[in-house]
C-alpha atoms as a PDB file:
ATOM      1  CA  MET A   1     114.582 -30.620  59.947  1.00  0.00           C
ATOM      2  CA  ASN A   2     112.123 -32.862  61.738  1.00  0.00           C
ATOM      3  CA  HIS A   3     112.830 -36.434  62.793  1.00  0.00           C
ATOM      4  CA  ASP A   4     111.166 -37.954  59.719  1.00  0.00           C
ATOM      5  CA  ASP A   5     113.449 -35.908  57.432  1.00  0.00           C
ATOM      6  CA  LEU A   6     116.380 -36.930  59.569  1.00  0.00           C
ATOM      7  CA  LYS A   7     115.430 -40.601  59.306  1.00  0.00           C
ATOM      8  CA  GLU A   8     115.274 -40.267  55.504  1.00  0.00           C
ATOM      9  CA  CYS A   9     118.695 -38.633  55.401  1.00  0.00           C
ATOM     10  CA  TYR A  10     120.051 -41.331  57.711  1.00  0.00           C
ATOM     11  CA  GLU A  11     118.767 -44.122  55.409  1.00  0.00           C
ATOM     12  CA  VAL A  12     120.204 -42.407  52.329  1.00  0.00           C
ATOM     13  CA  PHE A  13     123.490 -41.940  54.128  1.00  0.00           C
ATOM     14  CA  LEU A  14     123.735 -45.619  55.098  1.00  0.00           C
ATOM     15  CA  ALA A  15     122.751 -46.703  51.587  1.00  0.00           C
ATOM     16  CA  THR A  16     125.541 -44.640  50.031  1.00  0.00           C
ATOM     17  CA  LYS A  17     128.925 -46.259  49.877  1.00  0.00           C
ATOM     18  CA  ALA A  18     131.936 -44.439  51.247  1.00  0.00           C
ATOM     19  CA  GLU A  19     133.524 -44.558  47.777  1.00  0.00           C
ATOM     20  CA  GLU A  20     130.703 -42.466  46.411  1.00  0.00           C
ATOM     21  CA  TYR A  21     131.353 -39.711  48.983  1.00  0.00           C
ATOM     22  CA  PHE A  22     135.022 -39.743  47.994  1.00  0.00           C
ATOM     23  CA  ILE A  23     134.133 -39.570  44.313  1.00  0.00           C
ATOM     24  CA  THR A  24     131.753 -36.691  44.933  1.00  0.00           C
ATOM     25  CA  PHE A  25     134.525 -34.845  46.794  1.00  0.00           C
ATOM     26  CA  LEU A  26     136.967 -35.437  43.934  1.00  0.00           C
ATOM     27  CA  HIS A  27     134.420 -34.233  41.361  1.00  0.00           C
ATOM     28  CA  SER A  28     133.755 -31.070  43.314  1.00  0.00           C
ATOM     29  CA  VAL A  29     137.476 -30.270  43.626  1.00  0.00           C
ATOM     30  CA  ARG A  30     137.953 -31.029  39.922  1.00  0.00           C
ATOM     31  CA  ALA A  31     135.023 -28.740  38.951  1.00  0.00           C
ATOM     32  CA  PHE A  32     136.340 -25.950  41.206  1.00  0.00           C
ATOM     33  CA  ILE A  33     139.914 -25.953  39.961  1.00  0.00           C
ATOM     34  CA  ALA A  34     139.004 -26.661  36.315  1.00  0.00           C
ATOM     35  CA  GLY A  35     136.389 -23.909  36.369  1.00  0.00           C
ATOM     36  CA  LEU A  36     138.766 -21.302  37.770  1.00  0.00           C
ATOM     37  CA  ALA A  37     141.469 -22.334  35.302  1.00  0.00           C
ATOM     38  CA  ALA A  38     139.024 -22.199  32.366  1.00  0.00           C
ATOM     39  CA  PHE A  39     137.916 -18.678  33.277  1.00  0.00           C
ATOM     40  CA  ARG A  40     141.552 -17.515  33.541  1.00  0.00           C
ATOM     41  CA  ILE A  41     142.402 -19.098  30.191  1.00  0.00           C
ATOM     42  CA  TYR A  42     139.346 -17.431  28.646  1.00  0.00           C
ATOM     43  CA  ARG A  43     140.463 -13.997  29.876  1.00  0.00           C
ATOM     44  CA  GLU A  44     143.849 -14.524  28.373  1.00  0.00           C
ATOM     45  CA  THR A  45     142.778 -16.100  25.028  1.00  0.00           C
ATOM     46  CA  ARG A  46     139.131 -14.978  24.510  1.00  0.00           C
ATOM     47  CA  ASP A  47     138.499 -18.490  23.119  1.00  0.00           C
ATOM     48  CA  SER A  48     134.817 -19.168  23.841  1.00  0.00           C
ATOM     49  CA  LEU A  49     135.512 -22.844  24.466  1.00  0.00           C
ATOM     50  CA  TRP A  50     137.080 -21.902  27.759  1.00  0.00           C
ATOM     51  CA  MET A  51     134.135 -19.771  28.805  1.00  0.00           C
ATOM     52  CA  SER A  52     131.835 -22.703  28.024  1.00  0.00           C
ATOM     53  CA  LEU A  53     133.939 -25.071  30.041  1.00  0.00           C
ATOM     54  CA  GLY A  54     134.159 -22.664  33.001  1.00  0.00           C
ATOM     55  CA  THR A  55     130.405 -22.104  32.879  1.00  0.00           C
ATOM     56  CA  GLU A  56     129.719 -25.835  32.875  1.00  0.00           C
ATOM     57  CA  HIS A  57     131.965 -26.389  35.880  1.00  0.00           C
ATOM     58  CA  MET A  58     130.225 -23.500  37.632  1.00  0.00           C
ATOM     59  CA  ARG A  59     126.847 -25.181  36.964  1.00  0.00           C
ATOM     60  CA  GLU A  60     128.193 -28.318  38.670  1.00  0.00           C
ATOM     61  CA  MET A  61     129.291 -26.321  41.672  1.00  0.00           C
ATOM     62  CA  ARG A  62     125.930 -24.540  41.841  1.00  0.00           C
ATOM     63  CA  ALA A  63     124.175 -27.905  42.000  1.00  0.00           C
ATOM     64  CA  TRP A  64     126.403 -29.024  44.904  1.00  0.00           C
ATOM     65  CA  ALA A  65     125.860 -25.716  46.714  1.00  0.00           C
ATOM     66  CA  GLU A  66     122.085 -25.821  46.245  1.00  0.00           C
ATOM     67  CA  ARG A  67     121.393 -29.502  46.711  1.00  0.00           C
ATOM     68  CA  GLY A  68     124.373 -30.637  48.693  1.00  0.00           C
ATOM     69  CA  SER A  69     126.100 -28.523  51.294  1.00  0.00           C
ATOM     70  CA  SER A  70     126.131 -24.768  51.071  1.00  0.00           C
ATOM     71  CA  TRP A  71     128.629 -24.839  53.918  1.00  0.00           C
ATOM     72  CA  ASN A  72     131.160 -26.685  51.749  1.00  0.00           C
ATOM     73  CA  PHE A  73     130.377 -25.258  48.338  1.00  0.00           C
ATOM     74  CA  GLN A  74     128.858 -21.779  48.569  1.00  0.00           C
ATOM     75  CA  HIS A  75     132.158 -19.912  48.793  1.00  0.00           C
ATOM     76  CA  LYS A  76     133.559 -21.933  45.889  1.00  0.00           C
ATOM     77  CA  LEU A  77     130.555 -21.075  43.789  1.00  0.00           C
ATOM     78  CA  GLN A  78     130.842 -17.413  44.703  1.00  0.00           C
ATOM     79  CA  LEU A  79     134.490 -17.358  43.691  1.00  0.00           C
ATOM     80  CA  MET A  80     133.681 -19.079  40.399  1.00  0.00           C
ATOM     81  CA  GLU A  81     130.947 -16.492  39.848  1.00  0.00           C
ATOM     82  CA  ALA A  82     133.421 -13.678  40.550  1.00  0.00           C
ATOM     83  CA  GLU A  83     135.732 -15.025  37.876  1.00  0.00           C
ATOM     84  CA  TYR A  84     132.769 -15.465  35.455  1.00  0.00           C
ATOM     85  CA  TYR A  85     131.684 -11.840  35.986  1.00  0.00           C
ATOM     86  CA  TYR A  86     135.235 -10.650  35.581  1.00  0.00           C
ATOM     87  CA  CYS A  87     135.444 -12.493  32.278  1.00  0.00           C
ATOM     88  CA  ASN A  88     132.253 -10.815  31.093  1.00  0.00           C
ATOM     89  CA  GLY A  89     133.343  -7.296  32.149  1.00  0.00           C
ATOM     90  CA  ASN A  90     130.776  -7.033  34.924  1.00  0.00           C
ATOM     91  CA  PHE A  91     133.370  -5.639  37.380  1.00  0.00           C
ATOM     92  CA  GLU A  92     130.928  -4.440  39.981  1.00  0.00           C
ATOM     93  CA  GLN A  93     129.284  -7.863  40.267  1.00  0.00           C
ATOM     94  CA  ALA A  94     132.731  -9.515  40.216  1.00  0.00           C
ATOM     95  CA  GLU A  95     133.908  -7.373  43.108  1.00  0.00           C
ATOM     96  CA  GLN A  96     130.798  -8.219  45.158  1.00  0.00           C
ATOM     97  CA  SER A  97     131.239 -11.930  44.448  1.00  0.00           C
ATOM     98  CA  TYR A  98     134.918 -11.860  45.512  1.00  0.00           C
ATOM     99  CA  THR A  99     133.821 -10.149  48.728  1.00  0.00           C
ATOM    100  CA  LYS A 100     131.099 -12.711  49.337  1.00  0.00           C
ATOM    101  CA  ALA A 101     133.422 -15.668  48.587  1.00  0.00           C
ATOM    102  CA  ILE A 102     136.019 -14.376  51.034  1.00  0.00           C
ATOM    103  CA  ALA A 103     133.400 -13.733  53.732  1.00  0.00           C
ATOM    104  CA  SER A 104     131.823 -17.167  53.227  1.00  0.00           C
ATOM    105  CA  ALA A 105     135.160 -18.986  53.273  1.00  0.00           C
ATOM    106  CA  THR A 106     136.113 -17.132  56.417  1.00  0.00           C
ATOM    107  CA  SER A 107     132.871 -17.907  58.240  1.00  0.00           C
ATOM    108  CA  HIS A 108     133.056 -21.582  57.282  1.00  0.00           C
ATOM    109  CA  LYS A 109     136.702 -21.859  58.252  1.00  0.00           C
ATOM    110  CA  TYR A 110     138.079 -22.693  54.819  1.00  0.00           C
ATOM    111  CA  ILE A 111     141.289 -20.733  55.232  1.00  0.00           C
ATOM    112  CA  ASN A 112     142.821 -22.265  52.114  1.00  0.00           C
ATOM    113  CA  ASP A 113     139.937 -21.150  49.942  1.00  0.00           C
ATOM    114  CA  GLU A 114     139.917 -17.733  51.713  1.00  0.00           C
ATOM    115  CA  ALA A 115     143.570 -17.371  50.740  1.00  0.00           C
ATOM    116  CA  LEU A 116     142.814 -18.320  47.131  1.00  0.00           C
ATOM    117  CA  ALA A 117     139.856 -15.937  46.949  1.00  0.00           C
ATOM    118  CA  CYS A 118     142.059 -13.116  48.260  1.00  0.00           C
ATOM    119  CA  GLU A 119     144.762 -13.977  45.752  1.00  0.00           C
ATOM    120  CA  LEU A 120     142.314 -13.949  42.842  1.00  0.00           C
ATOM    121  CA  ALA A 121     140.735 -10.701  44.081  1.00  0.00           C
ATOM    122  CA  GLY A 122     144.236  -9.214  44.263  1.00  0.00           C
ATOM    123  CA  ARG A 123     144.806 -10.208  40.621  1.00  0.00           C
ATOM    124  CA  PHE A 124     141.427  -8.761  39.636  1.00  0.00           C
ATOM    125  CA  PHE A 125     142.224  -5.393  41.168  1.00  0.00           C
ATOM    126  CA  LEU A 126     145.813  -5.393  39.893  1.00  0.00           C
ATOM    127  CA  GLU A 127     144.647  -6.069  36.339  1.00  0.00           C
ATOM    128  CA  ARG A 128     142.213  -3.194  36.649  1.00  0.00           C
ATOM    129  CA  ASP A 129     144.968  -0.843  37.986  1.00  0.00           C
ATOM    130  CA  HIS A 130     143.434  -0.500  41.450  1.00  0.00           C
ATOM    131  CA  VAL A 131     146.847  -0.830  43.119  1.00  0.00           C
ATOM    132  CA  ALA A 132     145.854  -0.078  46.732  1.00  0.00           C
ATOM    133  CA  SER A 133     143.008  -2.594  46.757  1.00  0.00           C
ATOM    134  CA  SER A 134     145.139  -5.131  44.972  1.00  0.00           C
ATOM    135  CA  LEU A 135     147.949  -4.842  47.533  1.00  0.00           C
ATOM    136  CA  GLU A 136     145.581  -5.299  50.412  1.00  0.00           C
ATOM    137  CA  TYR A 137     144.167  -8.507  48.908  1.00  0.00           C
ATOM    138  CA  TRP A 138     147.660  -9.828  48.117  1.00  0.00           C
ATOM    139  CA  ARG A 139     148.748  -9.089  51.689  1.00  0.00           C
ATOM    140  CA  LEU A 140     145.670 -10.909  53.062  1.00  0.00           C
ATOM    141  CA  ALA A 141     146.278 -13.892  50.725  1.00  0.00           C
ATOM    142  CA  HIS A 142     149.871 -14.072  51.977  1.00  0.00           C
ATOM    143  CA  GLU A 143     148.724 -14.012  55.584  1.00  0.00           C
ATOM    144  CA  LYS A 144     146.065 -16.673  55.035  1.00  0.00           C
ATOM    145  CA  TYR A 145     148.391 -19.000  53.115  1.00  0.00           C
ATOM    146  CA  PHE A 146     150.955 -18.581  55.929  1.00  0.00           C
ATOM    147  CA  ASP A 147     148.367 -19.273  58.637  1.00  0.00           C
ATOM    148  CA  TRP A 148     147.158 -22.327  56.727  1.00  0.00           C
ATOM    149  CA  GLY A 149     150.710 -23.630  56.710  1.00  0.00           C
ATOM    150  CA  ALA A 150     151.384 -23.193  52.994  1.00  0.00           C
ATOM    151  CA  VAL A 151     154.650 -21.456  53.737  1.00  0.00           C
ATOM    152  CA  GLY A 152     156.046 -22.032  50.210  1.00  0.00           C
ATOM    153  CA  LYS A 153     153.010 -20.392  48.616  1.00  0.00           C
ATOM    154  CA  ALA A 154     153.134 -17.611  51.218  1.00  0.00           C
ATOM    155  CA  ASN A 155     156.777 -16.987  50.325  1.00  0.00           C
ATOM    156  CA  GLN A 156     155.986 -17.037  46.639  1.00  0.00           C
ATOM    157  CA  LEU A 157     153.380 -14.333  47.197  1.00  0.00           C
ATOM    158  CA  LEU A 158     155.719 -12.367  49.418  1.00  0.00           C
ATOM    159  CA  ASN A 159     158.305 -12.314  46.639  1.00  0.00           C
ATOM    160  CA  PHE A 160     155.679 -11.242  44.142  1.00  0.00           C
ATOM    161  CA  ILE A 161     154.434  -8.484  46.458  1.00  0.00           C
ATOM    162  CA  ASN A 162     157.962  -7.220  47.089  1.00  0.00           C
ATOM    163  CA  ALA A 163     158.806  -7.192  43.396  1.00  0.00           C
ATOM    164  CA  LYS A 164     155.535  -5.788  42.142  1.00  0.00           C
ATOM    165  CA  PHE A 165     154.759  -3.228  44.800  1.00  0.00           C
ATOM    166  CA  ALA A 166     158.263  -2.497  46.206  1.00  0.00           C
ATOM    167  CA  VAL A 167     157.011  -3.449  49.673  1.00  0.00           C
ATOM    168  CA  SER A 168     158.910  -5.246  52.381  1.00  0.00           C
ATOM    169  CA  CYS A 169     157.362  -7.644  54.789  1.00  0.00           C
ATOM    170  CA  LYS A 170     159.166  -8.579  58.010  1.00  0.00           C
ATOM    171  CA  GLN A 171     157.865 -11.744  59.612  1.00  0.00           C
ATOM    172  CA  ASN A 172     158.290 -12.775  63.174  1.00  0.00           C
ATOM    173  CA  VAL A 173     157.547 -16.426  62.499  1.00  0.00           C
ATOM    174  CA  GLY A 174     157.776 -17.384  66.165  1.00  0.00           C
ATOM    175  CA  HIS A 175     154.984 -15.011  67.097  1.00  0.00           C
ATOM    176  CA  ASN A 176     153.163 -15.244  63.750  1.00  0.00           C
ATOM    177  CA  GLN A 177     153.124 -11.496  63.387  1.00  0.00           C
ATOM    178  CA  ARG A 178     153.760  -9.478  60.257  1.00  0.00           C
ATOM    179  CA  LEU A 179     154.906  -5.907  59.884  1.00  0.00           C
ATOM    180  CA  TRP A 180     154.326  -4.409  56.396  1.00  0.00           C
ATOM    181  CA  GLN A 181     156.256  -1.387  55.423  1.00  0.00           C
ATOM    182  CA  SER A 182     155.820   0.378  52.116  1.00  0.00           C
ATOM    183  CA  THR A 183     158.844   1.955  50.499  1.00  0.00           C
ATOM    184  CA  GLY A 184     156.490   4.426  48.915  1.00  0.00           C
ATOM    185  CA  THR A 185     157.330   3.311  45.351  1.00  0.00           C
ATOM    186  CA  GLU A 186     154.336   1.263  44.247  1.00  0.00           C
ATOM    187  CA  ARG A 187     154.585   0.184  40.632  1.00  0.00           C
END
């Protein structure tokens, strides 16, 4: 970006009210959550209304990723795309998009979205009976939620993991270390 481009961005920035930035942020969060929810509801109901709603929210996120900040929105878009592909039975593309979303969230330091992407990837693999892959993503989601400070969510996942996979997780909270031990009876 040359200095003329920077000047133009500076002028646009100063002309934009702080409230508009806040509104944009709220709209992006709304589109992200609503889109993911719509795709999940579509998978469970097969009601095309939900696919349409999810697709529309994904278009909004794509616009923010392409014209706004790929740093802030690319991983969100990739996660929405993963859910979209999953809904359409394009499992290979879904798997690639989950992987990209996790990598992008990791590189941009969005640990909360990294945790969510791991959780959704875990569900994707579990629903497709890929138990080992599912367990690894659930474990990573638990770790990321814990590291982010969402201890309640981390404990919820830990209880799910223990119940679903018959796995125990011992946490040394003081040292933030985890020791996973399988009981050998995955369900």
